[in-house]
């Protein structure tokens, strides 16, 4: 059994994914050779975005297909 998220938690996760995507876009034009660790930062942002979107996707799928107790 997975724990359910509150509406507030869902809103916070959604808002955070938007902020992460915005940060990713803002960093795209910057030359990674000019900032040490920028490639790692981009990878971290990408991983965080995928993880949080996966949580949202899983939650939405559970809403559409509620578990049947037996």
PDB file of N, CA and C in Angstrom:
ATOM      1  N   UNK A   1       0.851  -1.185   0.000  1.00  0.00           N
ATOM      2  CA  UNK A   1       0.000   0.000   0.000  1.00  0.00           C
ATOM      3  C   UNK A   1       0.895   1.246   0.000  1.00  0.00           C
ATOM      4  N   UNK A   2       0.627   2.138  -0.922  1.00  0.00           N
ATOM      5  CA  UNK A   2       1.396   3.376  -1.005  1.00  0.00           C
ATOM      6  C   UNK A   2       0.674   4.483  -0.255  1.00  0.00           C
ATOM      7  N   UNK A   3       1.439   5.363   0.355  1.00  0.00           N
ATOM      8  CA  UNK A   3       0.853   6.483   1.079  1.00  0.00           C
ATOM      9  C   UNK A   3       0.291   7.488   0.078  1.00  0.00           C
ATOM     10  N   UNK A   4      -0.820   8.073   0.410  1.00  0.00           N
ATOM     11  CA  UNK A   4      -1.447   9.062  -0.460  1.00  0.00           C
ATOM     12  C   UNK A   4      -0.876  10.441  -0.162  1.00  0.00           C
ATOM     13  N   UNK A   5      -0.872  11.263  -1.167  1.00  0.00           N
ATOM     14  CA  UNK A   5      -0.411  12.643  -1.018  1.00  0.00           C
ATOM     15  C   UNK A   5      -1.612  13.551  -0.801  1.00  0.00           C
ATOM     16  N   UNK A   6      -1.427  14.574   0.018  1.00  0.00           N
ATOM     17  CA  UNK A   6      -2.490  15.548   0.212  1.00  0.00           C
ATOM     18  C   UNK A   6      -2.514  16.490  -0.995  1.00  0.00           C
ATOM     19  N   UNK A   7      -3.565  17.250  -1.123  1.00  0.00           N
ATOM     20  CA  UNK A   7      -3.649  18.229  -2.214  1.00  0.00           C
ATOM     21  C   UNK A   7      -2.517  19.248  -2.116  1.00  0.00           C
ATOM     22  N   UNK A   8      -2.204  19.636  -0.890  1.00  0.00           N
ATOM     23  CA  UNK A   8      -1.117  20.600  -0.687  1.00  0.00           C
ATOM     24  C   UNK A   8       0.220  20.012  -1.139  1.00  0.00           C
ATOM     25  N   UNK A   9       0.459  18.746  -0.803  1.00  0.00           N
ATOM     26  CA  UNK A   9       1.699  18.096  -1.228  1.00  0.00           C
ATOM     27  C   UNK A   9       1.767  17.983  -2.754  1.00  0.00           C
ATOM     28  N   UNK A  10       0.661  17.618  -3.366  1.00  0.00           N
ATOM     29  CA  UNK A  10       0.614  17.537  -4.831  1.00  0.00           C
ATOM     30  C   UNK A  10       0.905  18.900  -5.460  1.00  0.00           C
ATOM     31  N   UNK A  11       0.326  19.934  -4.902  1.00  0.00           N
ATOM     32  CA  UNK A  11       0.545  21.281  -5.421  1.00  0.00           C
ATOM     33  C   UNK A  11       2.012  21.683  -5.265  1.00  0.00           C
ATOM     34  N   UNK A  12       2.605  21.348  -4.136  1.00  0.00           N
ATOM     35  CA  UNK A  12       4.017  21.676  -3.912  1.00  0.00           C
ATOM     36  C   UNK A  12       4.926  20.923  -4.882  1.00  0.00           C
ATOM     37  N   UNK A  13       4.627  19.649  -5.106  1.00  0.00           N
ATOM     38  CA  UNK A  13       5.433  18.855  -6.038  1.00  0.00           C
ATOM     39  C   UNK A  13       5.291  19.397  -7.450  1.00  0.00           C
ATOM     40  N   UNK A  14       4.070  19.722  -7.849  1.00  0.00           N
ATOM     41  CA  UNK A  14       3.839  20.283  -9.181  1.00  0.00           C
ATOM     42  C   UNK A  14       4.582  21.601  -9.345  1.00  0.00           C
ATOM     43  N   UNK A  15       4.481  22.476  -8.347  1.00  0.00           N
ATOM     44  CA  UNK A  15       5.177  23.759  -8.390  1.00  0.00           C
ATOM     45  C   UNK A  15       6.691  23.559  -8.474  1.00  0.00           C
ATOM     46  N   UNK A  16       7.193  22.611  -7.706  1.00  0.00           N
ATOM     47  CA  UNK A  16       8.630  22.339  -7.709  1.00  0.00           C
ATOM     48  C   UNK A  16       9.097  21.821  -9.059  1.00  0.00           C
ATOM     49  N   UNK A  17       8.323  20.942  -9.693  1.00  0.00           N
ATOM     50  CA  UNK A  17       8.726  20.446 -11.015  1.00  0.00           C
ATOM     51  C   UNK A  17       8.789  21.588 -12.017  1.00  0.00           C
ATOM     52  N   UNK A  18       7.864  22.528 -11.918  1.00  0.00           N
ATOM     53  CA  UNK A  18       7.904  23.696 -12.813  1.00  0.00           C
ATOM     54  C   UNK A  18       9.162  24.533 -12.573  1.00  0.00           C
ATOM     55  N   UNK A  19       9.523  24.711 -11.322  1.00  0.00           N
ATOM     56  CA  UNK A  19      10.724  25.486 -10.992  1.00  0.00           C
ATOM     57  C   UNK A  19      11.993  24.775 -11.479  1.00  0.00           C
ATOM     58  N   UNK A  20      12.026  23.464 -11.324  1.00  0.00           N
ATOM     59  CA  UNK A  20      13.183  22.697 -11.789  1.00  0.00           C
ATOM     60  C   UNK A  20      13.310  22.806 -13.304  1.00  0.00           C
ATOM     61  N   UNK A  21      12.183  22.667 -14.011  1.00  0.00           N
ATOM     62  CA  UNK A  21      12.209  22.781 -15.470  1.00  0.00           C
ATOM     63  C   UNK A  21      12.646  24.181 -15.895  1.00  0.00           C
ATOM     64  N   UNK A  22      12.231  25.181 -15.160  1.00  0.00           N
ATOM     65  CA  UNK A  22      12.636  26.553 -15.455  1.00  0.00           C
ATOM     66  C   UNK A  22      14.140  26.725 -15.250  1.00  0.00           C
ATOM     67  N   UNK A  23      14.666  26.155 -14.185  1.00  0.00           N
ATOM     68  CA  UNK A  23      16.103  26.235 -13.924  1.00  0.00           C
ATOM     69  C   UNK A  23      16.888  25.513 -15.017  1.00  0.00           C
ATOM     70  N   UNK A  24      16.384  24.355 -15.443  1.00  0.00           N
ATOM     71  CA  UNK A  24      17.050  23.620 -16.521  1.00  0.00           C
ATOM     72  C   UNK A  24      17.120  24.469 -17.797  1.00  0.00           C
ATOM     73  N   UNK A  25      16.015  25.107 -18.137  1.00  0.00           N
ATOM     74  CA  UNK A  25      15.966  25.954 -19.333  1.00  0.00           C
ATOM     75  C   UNK A  25      16.906  27.150 -19.204  1.00  0.00           C
ATOM     76  N   UNK A  26      16.950  27.747 -18.023  1.00  0.00           N
ATOM     77  CA  UNK A  26      17.785  28.922 -17.806  1.00  0.00           C
ATOM     78  C   UNK A  26      19.273  28.588 -17.931  1.00  0.00           C
ATOM     79  N   UNK A  27      19.648  27.359 -17.595  1.00  0.00           N
ATOM     80  CA  UNK A  27      21.054  26.964 -17.636  1.00  0.00           C
ATOM     81  C   UNK A  27      21.510  26.466 -19.006  1.00  0.00           C
ATOM     82  N   UNK A  28      20.561  26.160 -19.892  1.00  0.00           N
ATOM     83  CA  UNK A  28      20.922  25.606 -21.201  1.00  0.00           C
ATOM     84  C   UNK A  28      21.920  26.464 -21.989  1.00  0.00           C
ATOM     85  N   UNK A  29      21.740  27.770 -22.075  1.00  0.00           N
ATOM     86  CA  UNK A  29      22.662  28.547 -22.905  1.00  0.00           C
ATOM     87  C   UNK A  29      24.048  28.781 -22.285  1.00  0.00           C
ATOM     88  N   UNK A  30      24.247  28.374 -21.059  1.00  0.00           N
ATOM     89  CA  UNK A  30      25.521  28.609 -20.383  1.00  0.00           C
ATOM     90  C   UNK A  30      26.516  27.509 -20.756  1.00  0.00           C
ATOM     91  N   UNK A  31      27.713  27.928 -21.109  1.00  0.00           N
ATOM     92  CA  UNK A  31      28.790  27.006 -21.459  1.00  0.00           C
ATOM     93  C   UNK A  31      29.241  26.273 -20.199  1.00  0.00           C
ATOM     94  N   UNK A  32      29.092  24.934 -20.170  1.00  0.00           N
ATOM     95  CA  UNK A  32      29.463  24.183 -18.956  1.00  0.00           C
ATOM     96  C   UNK A  32      30.946  24.261 -18.622  1.00  0.00           C
ATOM     97  N   UNK A  33      31.775  24.655 -19.572  1.00  0.00           N
ATOM     98  CA  UNK A  33      33.211  24.780 -19.287  1.00  0.00           C
ATOM     99  C   UNK A  33      33.501  26.025 -18.448  1.00  0.00           C
ATOM    100  N   UNK A  34      32.551  26.944 -18.415  1.00  0.00           N
ATOM    101  CA  UNK A  34      32.755  28.183 -17.662  1.00  0.00           C
ATOM    102  C   UNK A  34      32.362  28.055 -16.192  1.00  0.00           C
ATOM    103  N   UNK A  35      31.593  27.024 -15.872  1.00  0.00           N
ATOM    104  CA  UNK A  35      31.134  26.843 -14.489  1.00  0.00           C
ATOM    105  C   UNK A  35      31.466  25.413 -14.048  1.00  0.00           C
ATOM    106  N   UNK A  36      32.406  25.271 -13.123  1.00  0.00           N
ATOM    107  CA  UNK A  36      32.746  23.930 -12.642  1.00  0.00           C
ATOM    108  C   UNK A  36      31.522  23.245 -12.023  1.00  0.00           C
ATOM    109  N   UNK A  37      31.295  22.011 -12.418  1.00  0.00           N
ATOM    110  CA  UNK A  37      30.189  21.250 -11.841  1.00  0.00           C
ATOM    111  C   UNK A  37      28.845  21.468 -12.509  1.00  0.00           C
ATOM    112  N   UNK A  38      28.787  22.306 -13.539  1.00  0.00           N
ATOM    113  CA  UNK A  38      27.491  22.596 -14.170  1.00  0.00           C
ATOM    114  C   UNK A  38      26.862  21.346 -14.771  1.00  0.00           C
ATOM    115  N   UNK A  39      27.672  20.487 -15.362  1.00  0.00           N
ATOM    116  CA  UNK A  39      27.127  19.245 -15.927  1.00  0.00           C
ATOM    117  C   UNK A  39      26.477  18.402 -14.829  1.00  0.00           C
ATOM    118  N   UNK A  40      27.089  18.359 -13.655  1.00  0.00           N
ATOM    119  CA  UNK A  40      26.518  17.610 -12.529  1.00  0.00           C
ATOM    120  C   UNK A  40      25.224  18.260 -12.035  1.00  0.00           C
ATOM    121  N   UNK A  41      25.207  19.574 -12.021  1.00  0.00           N
ATOM    122  CA  UNK A  41      24.004  20.301 -11.601  1.00  0.00           C
ATOM    123  C   UNK A  41      22.865  20.001 -12.564  1.00  0.00           C
ATOM    124  N   UNK A  42      23.153  20.039 -13.857  1.00  0.00           N
ATOM    125  CA  UNK A  42      22.129  19.727 -14.865  1.00  0.00           C
ATOM    126  C   UNK A  42      21.618  18.303 -14.699  1.00  0.00           C
ATOM    127  N   UNK A  43      22.524  17.365 -14.449  1.00  0.00           N
ATOM    128  CA  UNK A  43      22.127  15.970 -14.256  1.00  0.00           C
ATOM    129  C   UNK A  43      21.249  15.826 -13.010  1.00  0.00           C
ATOM    130  N   UNK A  44      21.604  16.540 -11.960  1.00  0.00           N
ATOM    131  CA  UNK A  44      20.824  16.498 -10.718  1.00  0.00           C
ATOM    132  C   UNK A  44      19.418  17.049 -10.940  1.00  0.00           C
ATOM    133  N   UNK A  45      19.327  18.180 -11.637  1.00  0.00           N
ATOM    134  CA  UNK A  45      18.021  18.773 -11.932  1.00  0.00           C
ATOM    135  C   UNK A  45      17.175  17.825 -12.774  1.00  0.00           C
ATOM    136  N   UNK A  46      17.797  17.205 -13.764  1.00  0.00           N
ATOM    137  CA  UNK A  46      17.077  16.276 -14.630  1.00  0.00           C
ATOM    138  C   UNK A  46      16.563  15.080 -13.826  1.00  0.00           C
ATOM    139  N   UNK A  47      17.397  14.547 -12.955  1.00  0.00           N
ATOM    140  CA  UNK A  47      16.991  13.404 -12.127  1.00  0.00           C
ATOM    141  C   UNK A  47      15.843  13.790 -11.185  1.00  0.00           C
ATOM    142  N   UNK A  48      15.950  14.953 -10.568  1.00  0.00           N
ATOM    143  CA  UNK A  48      14.894  15.419  -9.658  1.00  0.00           C
ATOM    144  C   UNK A  48      13.585  15.599 -10.413  1.00  0.00           C
ATOM    145  N   UNK A  49      13.655  16.166 -11.609  1.00  0.00           N
ATOM    146  CA  UNK A  49      12.456  16.375 -12.418  1.00  0.00           C
ATOM    147  C   UNK A  49      11.800  15.041 -12.774  1.00  0.00           C
ATOM    148  N   UNK A  50      12.602  14.083 -13.228  1.00  0.00           N
ATOM    149  CA  UNK A  50      12.062  12.768 -13.599  1.00  0.00           C
ATOM    150  C   UNK A  50      11.449  12.062 -12.395  1.00  0.00           C
ATOM    151  N   UNK A  51      12.112  12.162 -11.255  1.00  0.00           N
ATOM    152  CA  UNK A  51      11.605  11.509 -10.048  1.00  0.00           C
ATOM    153  C   UNK A  51      10.270  12.106  -9.613  1.00  0.00           C
ATOM    154  N   UNK A  52      10.206  13.430  -9.546  1.00  0.00           N
ATOM    155  CA  UNK A  52       8.970  14.073  -9.088  1.00  0.00           C
ATOM    156  C   UNK A  52       7.833  13.878 -10.087  1.00  0.00           C
ATOM    157  N   UNK A  53       8.128  13.960 -11.386  1.00  0.00           N
ATOM    158  CA  UNK A  53       7.080  13.716 -12.376  1.00  0.00           C
ATOM    159  C   UNK A  53       6.598  12.271 -12.322  1.00  0.00           C
ATOM    160  N   UNK A  54       7.498  11.350 -12.008  1.00  0.00           N
ATOM    161  CA  UNK A  54       7.103   9.951 -11.833  1.00  0.00           C
ATOM    162  C   UNK A  54       6.148   9.777 -10.668  1.00  0.00           C
ATOM    163  N   UNK A  55       6.410  10.492  -9.584  1.00  0.00           N
ATOM    164  CA  UNK A  55       5.509  10.444  -8.423  1.00  0.00           C
ATOM    165  C   UNK A  55       4.132  10.965  -8.815  1.00  0.00           C
ATOM    166  N   UNK A  56       4.099  12.100  -9.518  1.00  0.00           N
ATOM    167  CA  UNK A  56       2.814  12.671  -9.932  1.00  0.00           C
ATOM    168  C   UNK A  56       2.079  11.730 -10.887  1.00  0.00           C
ATOM    169  N   UNK A  57       2.804  11.147 -11.829  1.00  0.00           N
ATOM    170  CA  UNK A  57       2.198  10.238 -12.799  1.00  0.00           C
ATOM    171  C   UNK A  57       1.620   9.013 -12.084  1.00  0.00           C
ATOM    172  N   UNK A  58       2.386   8.449 -11.148  1.00  0.00           N
ATOM    173  CA  UNK A  58       1.910   7.293 -10.397  1.00  0.00           C
ATOM    174  C   UNK A  58       0.679   7.618  -9.580  1.00  0.00           C
ATOM    175  N   UNK A  59       0.658   8.788  -8.983  1.00  0.00           N
ATOM    176  CA  UNK A  59      -0.500   9.197  -8.189  1.00  0.00           C
ATOM    177  C   UNK A  59      -1.736   9.341  -9.073  1.00  0.00           C
ATOM    178  N   UNK A  60      -1.562   9.969 -10.237  1.00  0.00           N
ATOM    179  CA  UNK A  60      -2.700  10.147 -11.155  1.00  0.00           C
ATOM    180  C   UNK A  60      -3.216   8.810 -11.669  1.00  0.00           C
ATOM    181  N   UNK A  61      -2.319   7.858 -11.909  1.00  0.00           N
ATOM    182  CA  UNK A  61      -2.743   6.544 -12.378  1.00  0.00           C
ATOM    183  C   UNK A  61      -3.526   5.812 -11.295  1.00  0.00           C
ATOM    184  N   UNK A  62      -3.115   5.963 -10.031  1.00  0.00           N
ATOM    185  CA  UNK A  62      -3.848   5.323  -8.946  1.00  0.00           C
ATOM    186  C   UNK A  62      -5.230   5.917  -8.775  1.00  0.00           C
ATOM    187  N   UNK A  63      -5.355   7.218  -9.057  1.00  0.00           N
ATOM    188  CA  UNK A  63      -6.671   7.869  -8.954  1.00  0.00           C
ATOM    189  C   UNK A  63      -7.607   7.289 -10.026  1.00  0.00           C
ATOM    190  N   UNK A  64      -7.071   7.096 -11.230  1.00  0.00           N
ATOM    191  CA  UNK A  64      -7.894   6.558 -12.332  1.00  0.00           C
ATOM    192  C   UNK A  64      -8.240   5.092 -12.124  1.00  0.00           C
ATOM    193  N   UNK A  65      -7.319   4.337 -11.510  1.00  0.00           N
ATOM    194  CA  UNK A  65      -7.531   2.904 -11.303  1.00  0.00           C
ATOM    195  C   UNK A  65      -7.374   2.593  -9.823  1.00  0.00           C
ATOM    196  N   UNK A  66      -8.388   2.889  -9.026  1.00  0.00           N
ATOM    197  CA  UNK A  66      -8.256   2.643  -7.585  1.00  0.00           C
ATOM    198  C   UNK A  66      -8.102   1.137  -7.310  1.00  0.00           C
ATOM    199  N   UNK A  67      -7.309   0.836  -6.268  1.00  0.00           N
ATOM    200  CA  UNK A  67      -7.104  -0.553  -5.895  1.00  0.00           C
ATOM    201  C   UNK A  67      -8.383  -1.137  -5.352  1.00  0.00           C
ATOM    202  N   UNK A  68      -8.634  -2.385  -5.682  1.00  0.00           N
ATOM    203  CA  UNK A  68      -9.806  -3.090  -5.183  1.00  0.00           C
ATOM    204  C   UNK A  68      -9.361  -3.949  -4.019  1.00  0.00           C
ATOM    205  N   UNK A  69      -9.972  -3.741  -2.853  1.00  0.00           N
ATOM    206  CA  UNK A  69      -9.619  -4.562  -1.700  1.00  0.00           C
ATOM    207  C   UNK A  69     -10.372  -5.884  -1.785  1.00  0.00           C
ATOM    208  N   UNK A  70      -9.678  -6.899  -1.398  1.00  0.00           N
ATOM    209  CA  UNK A  70     -10.348  -8.186  -1.499  1.00  0.00           C
ATOM    210  C   UNK A  70     -10.170  -8.949  -0.318  1.00  0.00           C
TER     211      UNK A  70
END
